[in-house]
Amino acid sequence: MRVAFLSLFLLFSLQAFCQQEIISVIGVGDIMMGTNFPNNAYLPPAGGKNLLAGVNDILKDANLTFGNLEGVILDEGGTAKNCNDPKTCFVFRSPESYLQHLLTAGFDVVSTANNHVSDFGATGRINTAKALEKANLEYAGFEDKPSVIFEKEGIKYGMAAFAPNKGTASMYKIEEAKAIVKALKAECDIVIVSFHGGAEGKSHQHVTKKTEYFYGHNRGNVYDFAHQMVDAGADIIFGHGPHVTRAVEHYKDRFIAYSLGNFCTYRRFNLQGANGYAPIIKVFTDKTGRFIKASVFSVRQIAPGGPQIDDNQTAFQYLKDLTTTDFPDSSLQFINGEIIPKEKEEEGTY
């Protein structure tokens, strides 16, 4: 009898320990490491191998690392989309060899759902998928591949990515998106949802909680979308698209980042002012996806681009100020580069 009781006690203790297992997931924003279109003058020196050198150690130090792959992976060819106004329209085509830089930095999974994934039509999308598969980089976000499931270090992850753009899993089709996320949660430990939405630029840093338009294009209601994805089972939401940092939110014990800004964008991107600062956000959850805390590493890009650590923690300050303004009832605290739920601080957990 005593042995049976001890066995049950040990079993329950082990289960409790497993539930306390801490998982770290890093998210960054837009990645465009240089384009060979319209010519090679827009590529970085040394084949871009030093672009991420200043942040490699940070990116590697997580159970999982994610970013938004902005553009097409294609050495040559394809038909570039027609741009009516070159001042507001750009096309990106990065060499296949540049994916090695992401692997060296520790990236595990990327989103392909954004407004540049169709810059070279179906040819670009097809080759991007082939190149990612050849490099063993997980990806999701194409219309015909909205999600992916994979396992790493004994944890089963599901990731889905959405955008309001041609060739991508649609942000507009909310019920379809919810069904995708529900299916992931039924099978996975941690579910990450990425979206590319919201208006662009420093005049659009705030989460309006309304449908946003940019140059006449419906860029979605990111607040409603994020909440519905959490309701459907998402544990972490990583937003991008506005090219600036936006607020974060703690909703139903889950973490939402509304925009992670320009992370590594070489040339062809405006890096002035707020556009040049971005956070690397390292989210800590338990094995069920419940948010515990997040660490923020602020980076800065100076033209032509490439992230470097910003000792002034500008992006962290943006996160703090924007969250305080956009979510005045937020349960989050911002202390020394950390984002902590208020109840955790009060309990003295950290």
Protein backbone atom coordinates (compact mmCIF):
# COMPACT_ATOMS: atom_id res chain seq x y z
CA MET A 1 0.00 0.00 0.00
CA ARG A 2 2.79 2.39 0.98
CA VAL A 3 4.72 1.56 -2.21
CA ALA A 4 1.63 2.21 -4.34
CA PHE A 5 1.06 5.56 -2.60
CA LEU A 6 4.71 6.52 -3.12
CA SER A 7 4.49 5.59 -6.80
CA LEU A 8 1.41 7.75 -7.26
CA PHE A 9 3.08 10.63 -5.42
CA LEU A 10 6.14 10.41 -7.66
CA LEU A 11 3.94 10.24 -10.75
CA PHE A 12 2.00 13.35 -9.79
CA SER A 13 5.22 15.15 -8.86
CA LEU A 14 6.71 14.31 -12.25
CA GLN A 15 3.58 15.55 -14.01
CA ALA A 16 3.72 18.79 -12.03
CA PHE A 17 7.39 19.23 -12.93
CA CYS A 18 6.67 18.71 -16.62
CA GLN A 19 3.94 21.33 -16.48
CA GLN A 20 6.49 23.77 -15.05
CA GLU A 21 8.96 23.22 -17.89
CA ILE A 22 9.94 26.60 -19.30
CA ILE A 23 10.09 27.09 -23.07
CA SER A 24 11.69 30.10 -24.76
CA VAL A 25 10.61 31.35 -28.19
CA ILE A 26 12.32 34.26 -29.94
CA GLY A 27 10.45 36.37 -32.45
CA VAL A 28 11.80 39.04 -34.78
CA GLY A 29 10.24 41.15 -37.51
CA ASP A 30 11.00 41.68 -41.17
CA ILE A 31 14.03 40.00 -42.74
CA MET A 32 15.25 41.02 -46.21
CA MET A 33 18.99 40.47 -46.39
CA GLY A 34 19.50 42.13 -49.76
CA THR A 35 18.02 41.90 -53.25
CA ASN A 36 19.67 41.03 -56.54
CA PHE A 37 16.88 42.89 -58.35
CA PRO A 38 17.10 45.26 -60.11
CA ASN A 39 20.84 44.51 -59.84
CA ASN A 40 23.53 43.20 -57.49
CA ALA A 41 24.30 46.69 -56.19
CA TYR A 42 21.56 46.10 -53.62
CA LEU A 43 23.35 43.09 -52.09
CA PRO A 44 25.55 43.44 -48.99
CA PRO A 45 29.32 42.91 -49.06
CA ALA A 46 30.81 39.45 -48.44
CA GLY A 47 27.59 37.79 -49.51
CA GLY A 48 25.80 39.09 -46.41
CA LYS A 49 27.58 36.69 -44.06
CA ASN A 50 28.16 39.43 -41.46
CA LEU A 51 24.65 40.91 -41.45
CA LEU A 52 23.51 39.07 -38.32
CA ALA A 53 26.89 38.82 -36.58
CA GLY A 54 25.94 41.39 -33.93
CA VAL A 55 22.92 39.39 -32.72
CA ASN A 56 23.74 35.75 -33.55
CA ASP A 57 24.44 34.79 -29.94
CA ILE A 58 21.07 36.16 -28.81
CA LEU A 59 19.12 34.46 -31.59
CA LYS A 60 20.69 31.07 -30.87
CA ASP A 61 19.82 31.21 -27.17
CA ALA A 62 16.23 29.95 -27.30
CA ASN A 63 14.32 26.73 -27.78
CA LEU A 64 12.87 28.17 -30.99
CA THR A 65 13.65 31.22 -33.15
CA PHE A 66 11.22 32.78 -35.64
CA GLY A 67 11.26 35.62 -38.16
CA ASN A 68 9.29 37.02 -41.11
CA LEU A 69 11.00 36.30 -44.44
CA GLU A 70 10.14 39.40 -46.45
CA GLY A 71 10.46 38.68 -50.15
CA VAL A 72 11.37 35.89 -52.54
CA ILE A 73 14.29 33.44 -52.43
CA LEU A 74 15.40 33.15 -56.04
CA ASP A 75 18.80 33.51 -57.67
CA GLU A 76 17.47 34.75 -61.01
CA GLY A 77 14.46 34.74 -63.28
CA GLY A 78 10.80 35.07 -62.48
CA THR A 79 8.64 37.97 -63.59
CA ALA A 80 8.84 41.00 -61.35
CA LYS A 81 5.50 42.50 -60.37
CA ASN A 82 4.58 45.74 -62.05
CA CYS A 83 5.08 48.79 -59.84
CA ASN A 84 3.04 51.83 -60.82
CA ASP A 85 4.84 54.08 -58.33
CA PRO A 86 8.50 53.17 -57.65
CA LYS A 87 8.43 55.46 -54.59
CA THR A 88 5.91 53.26 -52.81
CA CYS A 89 6.41 49.88 -54.49
CA PHE A 90 9.48 47.65 -54.24
CA VAL A 91 10.31 44.07 -55.24
CA PHE A 92 12.72 41.81 -53.37
CA ARG A 93 14.59 38.77 -54.69
CA SER A 94 17.27 37.35 -52.37
CA PRO A 95 19.84 34.68 -53.34
CA GLU A 96 19.28 31.13 -52.13
CA SER A 97 22.68 31.10 -50.42
CA TYR A 98 21.45 33.76 -47.97
CA LEU A 99 19.29 31.21 -46.17
CA GLN A 100 22.52 29.88 -44.66
CA HIS A 101 22.80 33.13 -42.68
CA LEU A 102 19.48 32.35 -41.00
CA LEU A 103 20.61 28.83 -40.17
CA THR A 104 23.89 30.11 -38.75
CA ALA A 105 21.92 32.53 -36.56
CA GLY A 106 19.75 29.73 -35.20
CA PHE A 107 16.45 30.35 -37.00
CA ASP A 108 14.09 27.38 -36.97
CA VAL A 109 10.97 28.66 -38.71
CA VAL A 110 9.92 31.63 -40.86
CA SER A 111 6.71 33.16 -42.12
CA THR A 112 6.20 33.49 -45.86
CA ALA A 113 2.92 35.39 -45.47
CA ASN A 114 3.58 38.99 -46.45
CA ASN A 115 3.11 41.51 -49.24
CA HIS A 116 6.39 40.63 -50.98
CA VAL A 117 6.08 36.87 -51.28
CA SER A 118 4.55 37.27 -54.76
CA ASP A 119 7.08 39.82 -56.02
CA PHE A 120 8.13 37.31 -58.71
CA GLY A 121 4.82 35.53 -59.15
CA ALA A 122 4.29 31.79 -58.85
CA THR A 123 7.90 31.15 -59.90
CA GLY A 124 9.15 33.06 -56.89
CA ARG A 125 6.79 31.39 -54.45
CA ILE A 126 7.58 27.89 -55.72
CA ASN A 127 11.33 28.43 -55.60
CA THR A 128 11.13 30.03 -52.14
CA ALA A 129 9.40 26.89 -50.85
CA LYS A 130 11.95 24.61 -52.52
CA ALA A 131 14.88 26.61 -51.17
CA LEU A 132 13.49 26.60 -47.61
CA GLU A 133 12.90 22.86 -47.74
CA LYS A 134 16.40 22.26 -49.10
CA ALA A 135 17.82 24.35 -46.24
CA ASN A 136 15.68 22.46 -43.68
CA LEU A 137 14.05 25.70 -42.53
CA GLU A 138 10.44 25.24 -41.46
CA TYR A 139 7.96 27.70 -42.97
CA ALA A 140 4.28 28.52 -43.23
CA GLY A 141 2.09 31.20 -44.75
CA PHE A 142 1.56 30.31 -48.41
CA GLU A 143 -2.03 29.91 -49.54
CA ASP A 144 -1.38 26.20 -50.11
CA LYS A 145 0.70 25.84 -46.92
CA PRO A 146 -0.82 28.01 -44.18
CA SER A 147 0.68 26.02 -41.31
CA VAL A 148 3.43 23.63 -40.29
CA ILE A 149 3.96 21.16 -37.44
CA PHE A 150 7.41 20.10 -36.27
CA GLU A 151 9.17 18.82 -33.18
CA LYS A 152 12.30 20.11 -31.50
CA GLU A 153 13.87 18.93 -28.25
CA GLY A 154 10.76 16.94 -27.35
CA ILE A 155 8.35 19.87 -27.81
CA LYS A 156 5.79 19.78 -30.60
CA TYR A 157 5.27 23.18 -32.24
CA GLY A 158 2.60 24.36 -34.63
CA MET A 159 2.97 27.58 -36.59
CA ALA A 160 0.49 29.33 -38.88
CA ALA A 161 1.03 32.57 -40.77
CA PHE A 162 -1.47 34.92 -42.39
CA ALA A 163 -1.54 38.13 -44.43
CA PRO A 164 -4.00 40.16 -46.54
CA ASN A 165 -2.04 39.51 -49.73
CA LYS A 166 -2.13 37.38 -52.87
CA GLY A 167 -0.57 33.95 -52.55
CA THR A 168 -0.78 33.90 -48.75
CA ALA A 169 -3.03 32.33 -46.14
CA SER A 170 -5.66 35.03 -45.80
CA MET A 171 -6.22 37.21 -42.73
CA TYR A 172 -9.63 38.02 -44.18
CA LYS A 173 -10.92 34.45 -43.89
CA ILE A 174 -11.24 34.44 -40.12
CA GLU A 175 -13.20 31.19 -39.77
CA GLU A 176 -10.68 29.31 -41.92
CA ALA A 177 -7.81 30.77 -39.90
CA LYS A 178 -9.49 29.78 -36.63
CA ALA A 179 -10.00 26.24 -37.88
CA ILE A 180 -6.31 25.98 -38.80
CA VAL A 181 -5.24 27.18 -35.34
CA LYS A 182 -7.70 24.90 -33.54
CA ALA A 183 -6.32 21.92 -35.44
CA LEU A 184 -2.76 22.88 -34.52
CA LYS A 185 -3.60 23.23 -30.84
CA ALA A 186 -5.24 19.81 -30.80
CA GLU A 187 -1.95 18.27 -31.92
CA CYS A 188 0.80 20.55 -30.58
CA ASP A 189 2.23 21.76 -27.27
CA ILE A 190 2.91 25.33 -28.40
CA VAL A 191 1.08 27.14 -31.21
CA ILE A 192 2.56 30.29 -32.76
CA VAL A 193 0.59 32.53 -35.10
CA SER A 194 2.24 35.13 -37.31
CA PHE A 195 0.43 37.90 -39.15
CA HIS A 196 1.61 40.57 -41.59
CA GLY A 197 -0.90 43.38 -41.25
CA GLY A 198 -1.62 46.94 -40.25
CA ALA A 199 -0.73 50.27 -41.85
CA GLU A 200 2.94 51.16 -42.31
CA GLY A 201 5.31 53.77 -40.93
CA LYS A 202 5.96 55.95 -37.91
CA SER A 203 2.53 57.59 -38.17
CA HIS A 204 0.96 54.14 -37.70
CA GLN A 205 2.63 52.87 -34.53
CA HIS A 206 -0.60 52.58 -32.57
CA VAL A 207 -2.98 49.61 -32.44
CA THR A 208 -6.25 51.28 -33.47
CA LYS A 209 -8.50 48.24 -32.83
CA LYS A 210 -10.08 49.04 -36.21
CA THR A 211 -9.58 47.91 -39.79
CA GLU A 212 -6.47 49.65 -41.10
CA TYR A 213 -5.90 50.87 -44.66
CA PHE A 214 -2.65 51.79 -46.38
CA TYR A 215 -2.58 53.29 -49.88
CA GLY A 216 -6.17 52.14 -50.21
CA HIS A 217 -5.41 48.53 -49.32
CA ASN A 218 -7.23 46.80 -46.47
CA ARG A 219 -4.46 45.71 -44.11
CA GLY A 220 -6.79 44.06 -41.60
CA ASN A 221 -7.93 44.63 -38.03
CA VAL A 222 -4.90 43.20 -36.26
CA TYR A 223 -6.40 43.55 -32.78
CA ASP A 224 -9.49 41.53 -33.63
CA PHE A 225 -7.46 39.00 -35.61
CA ALA A 226 -4.97 38.42 -32.80
CA HIS A 227 -7.70 37.98 -30.20
CA GLN A 228 -9.61 35.51 -32.36
CA MET A 229 -6.46 33.49 -32.94
CA VAL A 230 -5.81 33.28 -29.19
CA ASP A 231 -9.45 32.31 -28.66
CA ALA A 232 -8.89 29.52 -31.20
CA GLY A 233 -5.82 28.19 -29.40
CA ALA A 234 -2.77 30.30 -30.30
CA ASP A 235 -0.21 30.67 -27.51
CA ILE A 236 2.08 33.33 -29.01
CA ILE A 237 1.23 35.94 -31.64
CA PHE A 238 4.04 37.61 -33.59
CA GLY A 239 2.90 40.51 -35.76
CA HIS A 240 4.84 42.42 -38.40
CA GLY A 241 4.16 44.57 -41.45
CA PRO A 242 4.03 48.18 -40.18
CA HIS A 243 7.88 48.41 -40.28
CA VAL A 244 7.82 49.99 -36.82
CA THR A 245 7.48 48.66 -33.30
CA ARG A 246 3.97 48.42 -31.87
CA ALA A 247 2.51 47.57 -28.47
CA VAL A 248 2.32 44.14 -26.86
CA GLU A 249 -0.59 42.61 -24.99
CA HIS A 250 -1.25 39.96 -22.37
CA TYR A 251 -4.55 38.34 -23.34
CA LYS A 252 -5.98 35.20 -21.71
CA ASP A 253 -2.52 34.34 -20.35
CA ARG A 254 -1.10 34.49 -23.88
CA PHE A 255 1.38 36.94 -25.42
CA ILE A 256 0.70 39.17 -28.42
CA ALA A 257 3.29 41.38 -30.16
CA TYR A 258 1.50 43.61 -32.66
CA SER A 259 4.57 44.55 -34.71
CA LEU A 260 8.23 43.59 -34.41
CA GLY A 261 9.39 46.19 -36.93
CA ASN A 262 12.34 46.03 -39.34
CA PHE A 263 14.77 43.45 -37.96
CA CYS A 264 17.31 42.87 -40.76
CA THR A 265 16.54 44.84 -43.91
CA TYR A 266 19.41 45.69 -46.22
CA ARG A 267 18.75 48.64 -48.54
CA ARG A 268 15.38 49.50 -50.12
CA PHE A 269 13.92 50.07 -46.62
CA ASN A 270 13.41 53.35 -44.79
CA LEU A 271 15.47 53.11 -41.60
CA GLN A 272 14.98 56.69 -40.42
CA GLY A 273 13.69 57.39 -36.93
CA ALA A 274 11.31 54.76 -35.53
CA ASN A 275 11.76 52.59 -38.63
CA GLY A 276 15.37 51.92 -37.65
CA TYR A 277 14.62 50.40 -34.22
CA ALA A 278 13.17 46.97 -33.48
CA PRO A 279 12.90 44.47 -30.62
CA ILE A 280 14.11 40.91 -30.44
CA ILE A 281 11.49 39.45 -28.11
CA LYS A 282 12.25 36.26 -26.21
CA VAL A 283 8.97 34.88 -24.88
CA PHE A 284 8.95 32.42 -22.00
CA THR A 285 5.98 30.10 -21.58
CA ASP A 286 5.19 26.92 -19.72
CA LYS A 287 4.58 23.73 -21.66
CA THR A 288 0.91 24.60 -22.12
CA GLY A 289 1.75 27.95 -23.75
CA ARG A 290 0.89 30.12 -20.73
CA PHE A 291 2.91 33.35 -20.80
CA ILE A 292 5.46 33.73 -18.00
CA LYS A 293 7.60 36.69 -19.08
CA ALA A 294 9.53 38.12 -22.03
CA SER A 295 13.03 39.50 -22.42
CA VAL A 296 13.58 42.31 -24.92
CA PHE A 297 16.83 42.96 -26.77
CA SER A 298 16.66 46.29 -28.57
CA VAL A 299 18.39 46.54 -31.92
CA ARG A 300 19.08 49.40 -34.30
CA GLN A 301 19.72 49.46 -38.02
CA ILE A 302 21.72 52.22 -39.65
CA ALA A 303 21.54 52.45 -43.44
CA PRO A 304 22.19 50.40 -45.46
CA GLY A 305 21.06 47.97 -42.74
CA GLY A 306 21.82 45.01 -40.48
CA PRO A 307 20.88 44.80 -36.77
CA GLN A 308 23.19 45.95 -33.99
CA ILE A 309 22.47 46.01 -30.27
CA ASP A 310 21.07 49.37 -29.14
CA ASP A 311 22.42 50.10 -25.66
CA ASN A 312 19.82 52.85 -25.24
CA GLN A 313 17.03 50.21 -25.37
CA THR A 314 14.97 52.41 -27.66
CA ALA A 315 12.72 49.60 -28.92
CA PHE A 316 12.03 48.49 -25.35
CA GLN A 317 11.00 52.04 -24.49
CA TYR A 318 8.73 52.08 -27.54
CA LEU A 319 7.09 48.87 -26.34
CA LYS A 320 6.56 50.31 -22.88
CA ASP A 321 5.18 53.67 -24.03
CA LEU A 322 2.95 52.27 -26.78
CA THR A 323 1.53 49.54 -24.56
CA THR A 324 0.77 52.07 -21.82
CA THR A 325 -1.02 54.29 -24.34
CA ASP A 326 -2.86 51.67 -26.40
CA PHE A 327 -3.70 49.31 -23.52
CA PRO A 328 -4.02 51.52 -20.42
CA ASP A 329 -5.45 48.61 -18.43
CA SER A 330 -2.59 46.30 -19.40
CA SER A 331 -1.47 43.72 -16.86
CA LEU A 332 2.12 43.99 -18.06
CA GLN A 333 5.08 45.72 -16.44
CA PHE A 334 8.26 46.81 -18.23
CA ILE A 335 11.34 46.62 -16.03
CA ASN A 336 15.00 46.60 -17.11
CA GLY A 337 14.38 45.00 -20.49
CA GLU A 338 11.84 42.51 -19.11
CA ILE A 339 8.08 42.30 -19.70
CA ILE A 340 6.41 40.76 -16.67
CA PRO A 341 2.75 40.17 -15.77
CA LYS A 342 1.92 42.37 -12.78
CA GLU A 343 0.72 39.47 -10.69
CA LYS A 344 4.10 37.78 -11.12
CA GLU A 345 5.93 40.86 -9.88
CA GLU A 346 3.59 41.14 -6.92
CA GLU A 347 4.17 37.49 -6.02
CA GLY A 348 7.94 38.04 -6.17
CA THR A 349 8.39 35.30 -8.77
CA TYR A 350 11.04 37.28 -10.70
